[in-house]
Amino acid sequence: MTRPQKHSLTLRGHRTSVSLEPEFWSAFLAIAAKRNLPINELAAQIDKDRGVERGLASAIRVFVLKDAQGS
């Protein structure tokens, strides 16, 4: 894997950025497309469900992993 890269998102009207490796970002975009959701909407759902113990980038990585595992 390569180094994480920053990506801008808008979550419920607020701009933020997450640092993800290109492989995770590509998988995340593919999941959003498969679910016919805008990337910001999918990120907002993950953000809402992640709790305070986990950062958004980590939550997205776990989300991508669970999707790949069929969970």
C-alpha atoms as a PDB file:
ATOM      1  CA  MET A   1       0.000   0.000   0.000  1.00  0.00           C
ATOM      2  CA  THR A   2       0.999   3.584  -0.505  1.00  0.00           C
ATOM      3  CA  ARG A   3       0.850   6.506   1.906  1.00  0.00           C
ATOM      4  CA  PRO A   4      -2.526   7.933   2.904  1.00  0.00           C
ATOM      5  CA  GLN A   5      -3.809  10.893   0.907  1.00  0.00           C
ATOM      6  CA  LYS A   6      -6.222  13.565   2.122  1.00  0.00           C
ATOM      7  CA  HIS A   7      -9.706  13.608   0.656  1.00  0.00           C
ATOM      8  CA  SER A   8     -12.322  16.281   1.305  1.00  0.00           C
ATOM      9  CA  LEU A   9     -15.837  15.342   2.358  1.00  0.00           C
ATOM     10  CA  THR A  10     -18.948  17.241   3.357  1.00  0.00           C
ATOM     11  CA  LEU A  11     -20.796  15.653   6.275  1.00  0.00           C
ATOM     12  CA  ARG A  12     -24.182  17.153   7.045  1.00  0.00           C
ATOM     13  CA  GLY A  13     -23.089  20.545   5.695  1.00  0.00           C
ATOM     14  CA  HIS A  14     -19.645  20.584   7.338  1.00  0.00           C
ATOM     15  CA  ARG A  15     -16.399  20.208   5.397  1.00  0.00           C
ATOM     16  CA  THR A  16     -13.855  17.740   6.709  1.00  0.00           C
ATOM     17  CA  SER A  17     -11.007  15.696   5.347  1.00  0.00           C
ATOM     18  CA  VAL A  18      -9.915  12.121   5.832  1.00  0.00           C
ATOM     19  CA  SER A  19      -6.557  10.557   5.057  1.00  0.00           C
ATOM     20  CA  LEU A  20      -6.944   7.200   3.344  1.00  0.00           C
ATOM     21  CA  GLU A  21      -4.655   5.001   1.316  1.00  0.00           C
ATOM     22  CA  PRO A  22      -5.607   5.052  -2.379  1.00  0.00           C
ATOM     23  CA  GLU A  23      -6.660   1.396  -2.196  1.00  0.00           C
ATOM     24  CA  PHE A  24      -9.174   2.117   0.575  1.00  0.00           C
ATOM     25  CA  TRP A  25     -10.427   5.253  -1.173  1.00  0.00           C
ATOM     26  CA  SER A  26     -11.006   3.337  -4.419  1.00  0.00           C
ATOM     27  CA  ALA A  27     -12.849   0.571  -2.575  1.00  0.00           C
ATOM     28  CA  PHE A  28     -14.927   3.153  -0.699  1.00  0.00           C
ATOM     29  CA  LEU A  29     -15.907   4.868  -3.957  1.00  0.00           C
ATOM     30  CA  ALA A  30     -16.836   1.493  -5.468  1.00  0.00           C
ATOM     31  CA  ILE A  31     -19.057   0.640  -2.494  1.00  0.00           C
ATOM     32  CA  ALA A  32     -20.827   4.003  -2.749  1.00  0.00           C
ATOM     33  CA  ALA A  33     -21.403   3.441  -6.472  1.00  0.00           C
ATOM     34  CA  LYS A  34     -22.648  -0.115  -5.873  1.00  0.00           C
ATOM     35  CA  ARG A  35     -25.134   1.228  -3.312  1.00  0.00           C
ATOM     36  CA  ASN A  36     -26.049   4.149  -5.578  1.00  0.00           C
ATOM     37  CA  LEU A  37     -25.134   6.640  -2.838  1.00  0.00           C
ATOM     38  CA  PRO A  38     -23.154   9.862  -3.082  1.00  0.00           C
ATOM     39  CA  ILE A  39     -19.816   9.450  -1.313  1.00  0.00           C
ATOM     40  CA  ASN A  40     -20.666  12.224   1.160  1.00  0.00           C
ATOM     41  CA  GLU A  41     -23.905  10.511   2.154  1.00  0.00           C
ATOM     42  CA  LEU A  42     -22.183   7.176   2.748  1.00  0.00           C
ATOM     43  CA  ALA A  43     -19.447   8.899   4.753  1.00  0.00           C
ATOM     44  CA  ALA A  44     -22.093  10.705   6.833  1.00  0.00           C
ATOM     45  CA  GLN A  45     -23.787   7.375   7.624  1.00  0.00           C
ATOM     46  CA  ILE A  46     -20.468   5.877   8.725  1.00  0.00           C
ATOM     47  CA  ASP A  47     -19.684   9.005  10.750  1.00  0.00           C
ATOM     48  CA  LYS A  48     -23.037   8.804  12.531  1.00  0.00           C
ATOM     49  CA  ASP A  49     -22.523   5.134  13.434  1.00  0.00           C
ATOM     50  CA  ARG A  50     -18.833   5.214  14.403  1.00  0.00           C
ATOM     51  CA  GLY A  51     -19.043   6.447  17.983  1.00  0.00           C
ATOM     52  CA  VAL A  52     -16.392   8.527  19.705  1.00  0.00           C
ATOM     53  CA  GLU A  53     -13.843   5.730  20.096  1.00  0.00           C
ATOM     54  CA  ARG A  54     -12.870   5.587  16.417  1.00  0.00           C
ATOM     55  CA  GLY A  55     -11.784   8.278  13.969  1.00  0.00           C
ATOM     56  CA  LEU A  56     -13.583   8.692  10.674  1.00  0.00           C
ATOM     57  CA  ALA A  57     -10.716   7.360   8.539  1.00  0.00           C
ATOM     58  CA  SER A  58     -10.469   4.238  10.703  1.00  0.00           C
ATOM     59  CA  ALA A  59     -14.237   3.798  10.570  1.00  0.00           C
ATOM     60  CA  ILE A  60     -14.147   3.964   6.764  1.00  0.00           C
ATOM     61  CA  ARG A  61     -11.344   1.383   6.622  1.00  0.00           C
ATOM     62  CA  VAL A  62     -13.304  -0.996   8.875  1.00  0.00           C
ATOM     63  CA  PHE A  63     -16.435  -0.389   6.782  1.00  0.00           C
ATOM     64  CA  VAL A  64     -14.529  -1.270   3.583  1.00  0.00           C
ATOM     65  CA  LEU A  65     -13.070  -4.379   5.230  1.00  0.00           C
ATOM     66  CA  LYS A  66     -16.476  -5.574   6.444  1.00  0.00           C
ATOM     67  CA  ASP A  67     -17.940  -5.013   2.981  1.00  0.00           C
ATOM     68  CA  ALA A  68     -15.132  -7.078   1.441  1.00  0.00           C
ATOM     69  CA  GLN A  69     -15.794  -9.837   3.972  1.00  0.00           C
ATOM     70  CA  GLY A  70     -19.506  -9.761   3.212  1.00  0.00           C
ATOM     71  CA  SER A  71     -20.400  -8.649   6.727  1.00  0.00           C
END
